[in-house]
N, C-alpha and C. Protein backbone atom coordinates (compact mmCIF):
# COMPACT_ATOMS: atom_id res chain seq x y z
N MET A 1 102.54 138.95 73.58
CA MET A 1 102.21 138.34 72.31
C MET A 1 101.99 139.41 71.23
N LYS A 2 101.21 140.44 71.59
CA LYS A 2 100.93 141.51 70.64
C LYS A 2 102.23 142.22 70.24
N TYR A 3 103.10 142.44 71.21
CA TYR A 3 104.38 143.10 70.94
C TYR A 3 105.23 142.25 70.01
N ARG A 4 105.24 140.96 70.21
CA ARG A 4 106.02 140.05 69.38
C ARG A 4 105.54 140.06 67.93
N ILE A 5 104.23 140.07 67.73
CA ILE A 5 103.67 140.12 66.38
C ILE A 5 104.02 141.44 65.70
N GLN A 6 103.91 142.54 66.45
CA GLN A 6 104.24 143.85 65.89
C GLN A 6 105.71 143.95 65.49
N THR A 7 106.61 143.45 66.34
CA THR A 7 108.03 143.53 66.00
C THR A 7 108.37 142.62 64.82
N THR A 8 107.72 141.45 64.75
CA THR A 8 107.94 140.56 63.62
C THR A 8 107.48 141.22 62.32
N LEU A 9 106.30 141.83 62.35
CA LEU A 9 105.81 142.53 61.17
C LEU A 9 106.72 143.69 60.79
N TYR A 10 107.22 144.41 61.78
CA TYR A 10 108.12 145.52 61.51
C TYR A 10 109.40 145.03 60.84
N HIS A 11 109.98 143.95 61.35
CA HIS A 11 111.20 143.41 60.75
C HIS A 11 110.94 142.87 59.35
N LEU A 12 109.78 142.28 59.13
CA LEU A 12 109.45 141.80 57.79
C LEU A 12 109.30 142.95 56.80
N THR A 13 108.72 144.06 57.25
CA THR A 13 108.60 145.21 56.34
C THR A 13 109.96 145.77 55.98
N ILE A 14 110.89 145.76 56.92
CA ILE A 14 112.24 146.23 56.61
C ILE A 14 112.91 145.28 55.61
N LEU A 15 112.70 143.98 55.77
CA LEU A 15 113.23 143.02 54.80
C LEU A 15 112.63 143.23 53.42
N LEU A 16 111.33 143.45 53.37
CA LEU A 16 110.68 143.69 52.08
C LEU A 16 111.18 144.97 51.43
N GLU A 17 111.39 146.02 52.23
CA GLU A 17 111.97 147.25 51.70
C GLU A 17 113.36 147.01 51.13
N SER A 18 114.13 146.18 51.81
CA SER A 18 115.47 145.87 51.33
C SER A 18 115.42 145.11 50.01
N VAL A 19 114.50 144.18 49.90
CA VAL A 19 114.36 143.42 48.65
C VAL A 19 113.95 144.37 47.52
N ILE A 20 113.00 145.25 47.79
CA ILE A 20 112.57 146.23 46.79
C ILE A 20 113.75 147.13 46.42
N GLY A 21 114.54 147.52 47.41
CA GLY A 21 115.72 148.35 47.14
C GLY A 21 116.71 147.65 46.23
N VAL A 22 116.91 146.35 46.42
CA VAL A 22 117.82 145.59 45.56
C VAL A 22 117.29 145.58 44.12
N PHE A 23 115.98 145.35 43.96
CA PHE A 23 115.40 145.36 42.62
C PHE A 23 115.51 146.75 41.99
N LEU A 24 115.32 147.79 42.79
CA LEU A 24 115.46 149.15 42.27
C LEU A 24 116.89 149.43 41.82
N VAL A 25 117.86 148.97 42.61
CA VAL A 25 119.26 149.16 42.22
C VAL A 25 119.55 148.45 40.91
N LEU A 26 119.06 147.22 40.77
CA LEU A 26 119.24 146.50 39.51
C LEU A 26 118.57 147.24 38.36
N GLY A 27 117.37 147.76 38.59
CA GLY A 27 116.69 148.53 37.56
C GLY A 27 117.45 149.78 37.18
N VAL A 28 118.04 150.46 38.17
CA VAL A 28 118.82 151.67 37.89
C VAL A 28 120.07 151.31 37.09
N VAL A 29 120.73 150.22 37.43
CA VAL A 29 121.93 149.80 36.69
C VAL A 29 121.57 149.51 35.24
N PHE A 30 120.48 148.77 35.01
CA PHE A 30 120.07 148.48 33.64
C PHE A 30 119.63 149.74 32.91
N ALA A 31 118.99 150.68 33.63
CA ALA A 31 118.59 151.94 33.00
C ALA A 31 119.81 152.76 32.60
N ILE A 32 120.85 152.75 33.43
CA ILE A 32 122.07 153.48 33.08
C ILE A 32 122.74 152.85 31.86
N LEU A 33 122.76 151.52 31.81
CA LEU A 33 123.32 150.85 30.64
C LEU A 33 122.50 151.18 29.39
N GLY A 34 121.18 151.18 29.51
CA GLY A 34 120.33 151.53 28.38
C GLY A 34 120.50 152.99 27.98
N LEU A 35 120.72 153.85 28.96
CA LEU A 35 120.95 155.27 28.69
C LEU A 35 122.24 155.47 27.91
N ALA A 36 123.28 154.76 28.31
CA ALA A 36 124.56 154.86 27.60
C ALA A 36 124.44 154.31 26.18
N ARG A 37 123.67 153.25 26.04
CA ARG A 37 123.50 152.64 24.72
C ARG A 37 122.66 153.53 23.79
N SER A 38 121.72 154.26 24.36
CA SER A 38 120.82 155.07 23.53
C SER A 38 121.40 156.44 23.19
N LEU A 39 122.56 156.76 23.72
CA LEU A 39 123.17 158.05 23.44
C LEU A 39 123.66 158.09 22.00
N ASN A 40 123.07 158.99 21.23
CA ASN A 40 123.42 159.12 19.81
C ASN A 40 123.68 160.61 19.56
N PHE A 41 124.96 160.96 19.45
CA PHE A 41 125.34 162.36 19.31
C PHE A 41 124.82 162.97 18.01
N VAL A 42 124.83 162.20 16.93
CA VAL A 42 124.36 162.71 15.64
C VAL A 42 122.88 163.07 15.72
N GLN A 43 122.10 162.19 16.36
CA GLN A 43 120.67 162.45 16.50
C GLN A 43 120.42 163.65 17.40
N LEU A 44 121.20 163.80 18.47
CA LEU A 44 121.04 164.95 19.36
C LEU A 44 121.39 166.25 18.65
N LEU A 45 122.39 166.22 17.77
CA LEU A 45 122.77 167.43 17.05
C LEU A 45 121.74 167.80 15.98
N SER A 46 121.17 166.79 15.33
CA SER A 46 120.23 167.07 14.24
C SER A 46 118.84 167.42 14.75
N MET A 47 118.41 166.79 15.85
CA MET A 47 117.08 167.06 16.40
C MET A 47 117.20 167.34 17.89
N PRO A 48 117.18 168.61 18.26
CA PRO A 48 117.35 168.97 19.67
C PRO A 48 116.22 168.49 20.59
N ASP A 49 115.09 168.08 20.02
CA ASP A 49 114.00 167.58 20.85
C ASP A 49 114.40 166.31 21.61
N HIS A 50 115.36 165.59 21.09
CA HIS A 50 115.79 164.35 21.74
C HIS A 50 116.51 164.62 23.07
N ILE A 51 117.03 165.82 23.23
CA ILE A 51 117.69 166.13 24.51
C ILE A 51 116.67 166.14 25.64
N THR A 52 115.42 166.50 25.35
CA THR A 52 114.37 166.49 26.36
C THR A 52 114.08 165.06 26.81
N GLU A 53 114.01 164.14 25.86
CA GLU A 53 113.81 162.73 26.21
C GLU A 53 114.98 162.21 27.05
N TYR A 54 116.18 162.53 26.61
CA TYR A 54 117.38 162.09 27.31
C TYR A 54 117.42 162.68 28.72
N LEU A 55 117.08 163.95 28.83
CA LEU A 55 117.05 164.61 30.14
C LEU A 55 116.00 163.99 31.04
N SER A 56 114.88 163.63 30.47
CA SER A 56 113.82 162.97 31.25
C SER A 56 114.29 161.62 31.78
N MET A 57 115.01 160.85 30.95
CA MET A 57 115.52 159.56 31.40
C MET A 57 116.56 159.75 32.51
N VAL A 58 117.44 160.72 32.35
CA VAL A 58 118.46 160.98 33.37
C VAL A 58 117.80 161.41 34.68
N ALA A 59 116.81 162.29 34.60
CA ALA A 59 116.12 162.74 35.80
C ALA A 59 115.38 161.60 36.50
N THR A 60 114.83 160.68 35.72
CA THR A 60 114.15 159.51 36.30
C THR A 60 115.15 158.62 37.02
N ILE A 61 116.32 158.43 36.45
CA ILE A 61 117.35 157.61 37.09
C ILE A 61 117.82 158.26 38.38
N VAL A 62 118.06 159.56 38.34
CA VAL A 62 118.50 160.27 39.55
C VAL A 62 117.42 160.22 40.63
N LEU A 63 116.16 160.38 40.23
CA LEU A 63 115.06 160.28 41.19
C LEU A 63 114.98 158.88 41.79
N SER A 64 115.23 157.86 40.98
CA SER A 64 115.24 156.48 41.48
C SER A 64 116.34 156.27 42.50
N ILE A 65 117.50 156.85 42.24
CA ILE A 65 118.62 156.73 43.19
C ILE A 65 118.27 157.43 44.50
N GLU A 66 117.67 158.61 44.42
CA GLU A 66 117.25 159.31 45.63
C GLU A 66 116.20 158.51 46.40
N PHE A 67 115.30 157.85 45.67
CA PHE A 67 114.28 157.03 46.31
C PHE A 67 114.89 155.84 47.03
N ILE A 68 115.92 155.24 46.44
CA ILE A 68 116.61 154.12 47.08
C ILE A 68 117.27 154.61 48.37
N LYS A 69 117.89 155.80 48.32
CA LYS A 69 118.49 156.35 49.55
C LYS A 69 117.43 156.61 50.60
N MET A 70 116.24 157.05 50.18
CA MET A 70 115.16 157.28 51.13
C MET A 70 114.73 155.97 51.79
N LEU A 71 114.66 154.89 51.00
CA LEU A 71 114.30 153.60 51.58
C LEU A 71 115.33 153.13 52.59
N CYS A 72 116.59 153.46 52.35
CA CYS A 72 117.66 153.00 53.24
C CYS A 72 117.79 153.83 54.51
N THR A 73 117.53 155.12 54.41
CA THR A 73 117.80 155.99 55.57
C THR A 73 116.60 156.20 56.47
N HIS A 74 115.39 156.16 55.93
CA HIS A 74 114.19 156.41 56.72
C HIS A 74 114.25 157.73 57.47
N SER A 75 114.72 158.78 56.81
CA SER A 75 114.78 160.07 57.48
C SER A 75 113.87 161.08 56.79
N LEU A 76 113.44 162.05 57.55
CA LEU A 76 112.58 163.10 57.00
C LEU A 76 113.34 163.93 55.97
N ASP A 77 114.62 164.09 56.19
CA ASP A 77 115.44 164.86 55.27
C ASP A 77 115.47 164.22 53.89
N SER A 78 115.57 162.90 53.83
CA SER A 78 115.59 162.22 52.53
C SER A 78 114.24 162.30 51.83
N VAL A 79 113.15 162.35 52.60
CA VAL A 79 111.82 162.50 52.00
C VAL A 79 111.71 163.86 51.32
N VAL A 80 112.19 164.91 51.99
CA VAL A 80 112.16 166.25 51.40
C VAL A 80 113.02 166.29 50.14
N GLU A 81 114.17 165.61 50.16
CA GLU A 81 115.03 165.57 48.98
C GLU A 81 114.35 164.88 47.81
N VAL A 82 113.68 163.76 48.07
CA VAL A 82 113.01 163.03 47.00
C VAL A 82 111.87 163.87 46.43
N LEU A 83 111.10 164.52 47.30
CA LEU A 83 110.01 165.35 46.81
C LEU A 83 110.51 166.52 45.97
N SER A 84 111.58 167.16 46.42
CA SER A 84 112.12 168.28 45.65
C SER A 84 112.68 167.79 44.30
N MET A 85 113.30 166.61 44.29
CA MET A 85 113.81 166.06 43.03
C MET A 85 112.66 165.71 42.08
N ALA A 86 111.57 165.18 42.62
CA ALA A 86 110.42 164.82 41.77
C ALA A 86 109.79 166.07 41.16
N ILE A 87 109.67 167.12 41.94
CA ILE A 87 109.10 168.36 41.42
C ILE A 87 110.03 168.98 40.39
N ALA A 88 111.32 168.99 40.68
CA ALA A 88 112.30 169.54 39.73
C ALA A 88 112.30 168.74 38.43
N ARG A 89 112.14 167.44 38.53
CA ARG A 89 112.08 166.60 37.32
C ARG A 89 110.88 166.98 36.46
N GLU A 90 109.74 167.20 37.11
CA GLU A 90 108.55 167.59 36.36
C GLU A 90 108.74 168.94 35.67
N ILE A 91 109.39 169.86 36.34
CA ILE A 91 109.61 171.19 35.76
C ILE A 91 110.58 171.12 34.59
N ILE A 92 111.66 170.39 34.77
CA ILE A 92 112.74 170.39 33.78
C ILE A 92 112.44 169.48 32.59
N ALA A 93 111.99 168.28 32.86
CA ALA A 93 111.92 167.27 31.82
C ALA A 93 110.64 167.31 30.99
N HIS A 94 109.63 168.00 31.43
CA HIS A 94 108.37 168.03 30.70
C HIS A 94 108.05 169.44 30.23
N GLU A 95 107.32 169.49 29.14
CA GLU A 95 106.88 170.80 28.66
C GLU A 95 105.72 171.25 29.55
N THR A 96 105.94 172.31 30.31
CA THR A 96 104.92 172.82 31.21
C THR A 96 104.65 174.28 30.91
N THR A 97 103.50 174.72 31.34
CA THR A 97 103.14 176.12 31.15
C THR A 97 103.84 176.97 32.20
N ALA A 98 103.75 178.27 32.03
CA ALA A 98 104.37 179.18 32.99
C ALA A 98 103.72 179.05 34.37
N ALA A 99 102.41 178.83 34.38
CA ALA A 99 101.72 178.67 35.67
C ALA A 99 102.17 177.39 36.37
N GLN A 100 102.35 176.32 35.60
CA GLN A 100 102.83 175.07 36.20
C GLN A 100 104.26 175.22 36.70
N ASN A 101 105.09 175.93 35.95
CA ASN A 101 106.45 176.19 36.41
C ASN A 101 106.45 176.99 37.70
N LEU A 102 105.59 178.00 37.77
CA LEU A 102 105.49 178.81 38.98
C LEU A 102 105.05 177.97 40.17
N LEU A 103 104.06 177.12 39.98
CA LEU A 103 103.61 176.24 41.06
C LEU A 103 104.73 175.28 41.50
N GLY A 104 105.50 174.79 40.54
CA GLY A 104 106.62 173.91 40.88
C GLY A 104 107.69 174.63 41.68
N VAL A 105 108.02 175.85 41.27
CA VAL A 105 109.02 176.63 42.00
C VAL A 105 108.52 176.98 43.40
N ILE A 106 107.24 177.32 43.52
CA ILE A 106 106.66 177.61 44.85
C ILE A 106 106.69 176.36 45.72
N SER A 107 106.40 175.21 45.12
CA SER A 107 106.44 173.94 45.87
C SER A 107 107.83 173.64 46.39
N ILE A 108 108.83 173.83 45.54
CA ILE A 108 110.22 173.60 45.97
C ILE A 108 110.61 174.60 47.05
N ALA A 109 110.17 175.84 46.91
CA ALA A 109 110.47 176.85 47.94
C ALA A 109 109.84 176.47 49.27
N ILE A 110 108.61 175.97 49.23
CA ILE A 110 107.95 175.53 50.47
C ILE A 110 108.71 174.36 51.09
N LEU A 111 109.17 173.42 50.26
CA LEU A 111 109.95 172.29 50.79
C LEU A 111 111.23 172.77 51.45
N PHE A 112 111.92 173.75 50.83
CA PHE A 112 113.14 174.29 51.43
C PHE A 112 112.84 175.05 52.72
N ILE A 113 111.72 175.75 52.78
CA ILE A 113 111.34 176.45 54.01
C ILE A 113 111.05 175.44 55.11
N VAL A 114 110.33 174.39 54.77
CA VAL A 114 110.05 173.34 55.75
C VAL A 114 111.34 172.72 56.24
N ARG A 115 112.25 172.45 55.31
CA ARG A 115 113.53 171.84 55.68
C ARG A 115 114.35 172.77 56.57
N LYS A 116 114.32 174.06 56.27
CA LYS A 116 115.14 175.02 57.01
C LYS A 116 114.57 175.34 58.39
N TYR A 117 113.25 175.59 58.46
CA TYR A 117 112.67 176.12 59.68
C TYR A 117 111.83 175.14 60.48
N CYS A 118 111.31 174.12 59.86
CA CYS A 118 110.42 173.19 60.57
C CYS A 118 111.04 171.84 60.86
N PHE A 119 112.21 171.60 60.34
CA PHE A 119 112.85 170.29 60.49
C PHE A 119 113.72 170.31 61.74
N ILE A 120 113.50 169.35 62.63
CA ILE A 120 114.28 169.24 63.86
C ILE A 120 115.12 167.97 63.74
N PRO A 121 116.43 168.11 63.48
CA PRO A 121 117.26 166.94 63.17
C PRO A 121 117.31 165.90 64.29
N HIS A 122 117.36 166.31 65.55
CA HIS A 122 117.51 165.31 66.61
C HIS A 122 116.24 164.48 66.80
N LEU A 123 115.10 164.93 66.28
CA LEU A 123 113.90 164.10 66.33
C LEU A 123 113.90 163.04 65.24
N ASP A 124 114.76 163.22 64.25
CA ASP A 124 114.81 162.30 63.13
C ASP A 124 115.83 161.18 63.34
N LYS A 125 116.56 161.20 64.43
CA LYS A 125 117.56 160.17 64.69
C LYS A 125 116.86 158.85 65.00
N THR A 126 117.48 157.78 64.55
CA THR A 126 116.94 156.46 64.84
C THR A 126 117.36 156.02 66.23
N GLU A 127 116.69 155.03 66.73
CA GLU A 127 116.98 154.53 68.08
C GLU A 127 118.39 153.97 68.17
N HIS A 128 118.82 153.29 67.13
CA HIS A 128 120.13 152.65 67.14
C HIS A 128 121.07 153.50 66.30
N SER A 129 122.05 154.09 66.93
CA SER A 129 123.00 154.92 66.18
C SER A 129 124.31 154.18 65.94
N SER A 130 124.25 152.86 65.96
CA SER A 130 125.47 152.10 65.71
C SER A 130 125.74 152.03 64.22
N SER A 131 126.85 151.41 63.86
CA SER A 131 127.23 151.34 62.46
C SER A 131 126.63 150.13 61.75
N ARG A 132 125.78 149.37 62.42
CA ARG A 132 125.18 148.20 61.79
C ARG A 132 124.16 148.63 60.76
N SER A 133 123.96 147.82 59.76
CA SER A 133 122.99 148.14 58.71
C SER A 133 121.60 147.70 59.13
N LEU A 134 120.61 148.18 58.38
CA LEU A 134 119.23 147.79 58.64
C LEU A 134 119.05 146.29 58.45
N MET A 135 119.70 145.74 57.44
CA MET A 135 119.58 144.31 57.18
C MET A 135 120.15 143.50 58.34
N GLN A 136 121.30 143.91 58.88
CA GLN A 136 121.88 143.20 60.01
C GLN A 136 120.97 143.29 61.23
N ASP A 137 120.43 144.49 61.49
CA ASP A 137 119.52 144.65 62.62
C ASP A 137 118.29 143.79 62.46
N THR A 138 117.76 143.75 61.25
CA THR A 138 116.55 142.97 61.00
C THR A 138 116.81 141.49 61.16
N LEU A 139 117.89 141.01 60.54
CA LEU A 139 118.20 139.59 60.67
C LEU A 139 118.52 139.23 62.12
N HIS A 140 119.24 140.10 62.81
CA HIS A 140 119.55 139.85 64.21
C HIS A 140 118.27 139.82 65.03
N GLY A 141 117.34 140.74 64.74
CA GLY A 141 116.08 140.79 65.48
C GLY A 141 115.22 139.57 65.23
N LEU A 142 115.21 139.07 64.00
CA LEU A 142 114.39 137.90 63.70
C LEU A 142 115.00 136.61 64.23
N LEU A 143 116.33 136.50 64.16
CA LEU A 143 116.97 135.24 64.53
C LEU A 143 117.28 135.12 66.02
N HIS A 144 117.55 136.24 66.67
CA HIS A 144 117.98 136.19 68.06
C HIS A 144 116.96 136.83 69.00
N ARG A 145 115.71 136.66 68.70
CA ARG A 145 114.68 137.23 69.54
C ARG A 145 114.52 136.39 70.80
N VAL A 146 114.62 137.05 71.92
CA VAL A 146 114.43 136.37 73.20
C VAL A 146 113.02 136.67 73.66
N PRO A 147 112.21 135.64 73.88
CA PRO A 147 110.84 135.92 74.31
C PRO A 147 110.84 136.57 75.69
N LYS A 148 110.10 137.65 75.80
CA LYS A 148 110.01 138.35 77.07
C LYS A 148 108.96 137.66 77.94
N ALA A 149 109.26 137.62 79.22
CA ALA A 149 108.32 137.01 80.15
C ALA A 149 107.13 137.93 80.34
N GLU A 150 105.96 137.35 80.43
CA GLU A 150 104.75 138.13 80.66
C GLU A 150 104.79 138.70 82.07
N PRO A 151 104.18 139.86 82.31
CA PRO A 151 104.21 140.46 83.65
C PRO A 151 103.61 139.55 84.72
N GLU A 152 102.58 138.77 84.35
CA GLU A 152 101.97 137.87 85.32
C GLU A 152 102.96 136.80 85.75
N GLN A 153 103.77 136.30 84.81
CA GLN A 153 104.72 135.25 85.11
C GLN A 153 105.84 135.78 86.02
N THR A 154 106.28 137.01 85.80
CA THR A 154 107.34 137.56 86.63
C THR A 154 106.84 137.83 88.04
N GLU A 155 105.58 138.23 88.18
CA GLU A 155 105.02 138.44 89.52
C GLU A 155 104.91 137.14 90.28
N GLN A 156 104.54 136.06 89.57
CA GLN A 156 104.42 134.77 90.21
C GLN A 156 105.80 134.23 90.60
N ALA A 157 106.82 134.53 89.77
CA ALA A 157 108.17 134.05 90.08
C ALA A 157 108.71 134.77 91.29
N VAL A 158 108.34 136.02 91.52
CA VAL A 158 108.81 136.77 92.67
C VAL A 158 108.19 136.26 93.95
N LYS A 159 106.92 135.81 93.89
CA LYS A 159 106.23 135.28 95.07
C LYS A 159 106.80 133.97 95.42
């Protein structure tokens, strides 16, 4: 019973992540359309400060795309990528002091060191290495769940 509740909750969380991912994709699409609409070359040429705003919007969209990939893959490698993108966005898109830039560069260096020397790829593999998607696995798990017999019932059936 406990196992059944845990697997049901696990499958529901994957479904909720997928729904959030769909909303994020829609948000990214609308953000890209808004970004294209807000591009004003005359304004960028006359006031260079607008390039910082534009760069910040682009970095946010790219970070959102990386976050969507992280939701889909559930790998440690994608988490490191999202963190490095978030730190790089803060360094590039915002006015920061030299000390803040140094801390950001050190943080990215630490992430790359962790990725290079502490990351073990075969531990990050999922249980199912088939070509099915998370959504298919989740729907299959929820719809075609076969109740497992309790150990007491199987012992009684053997007697």
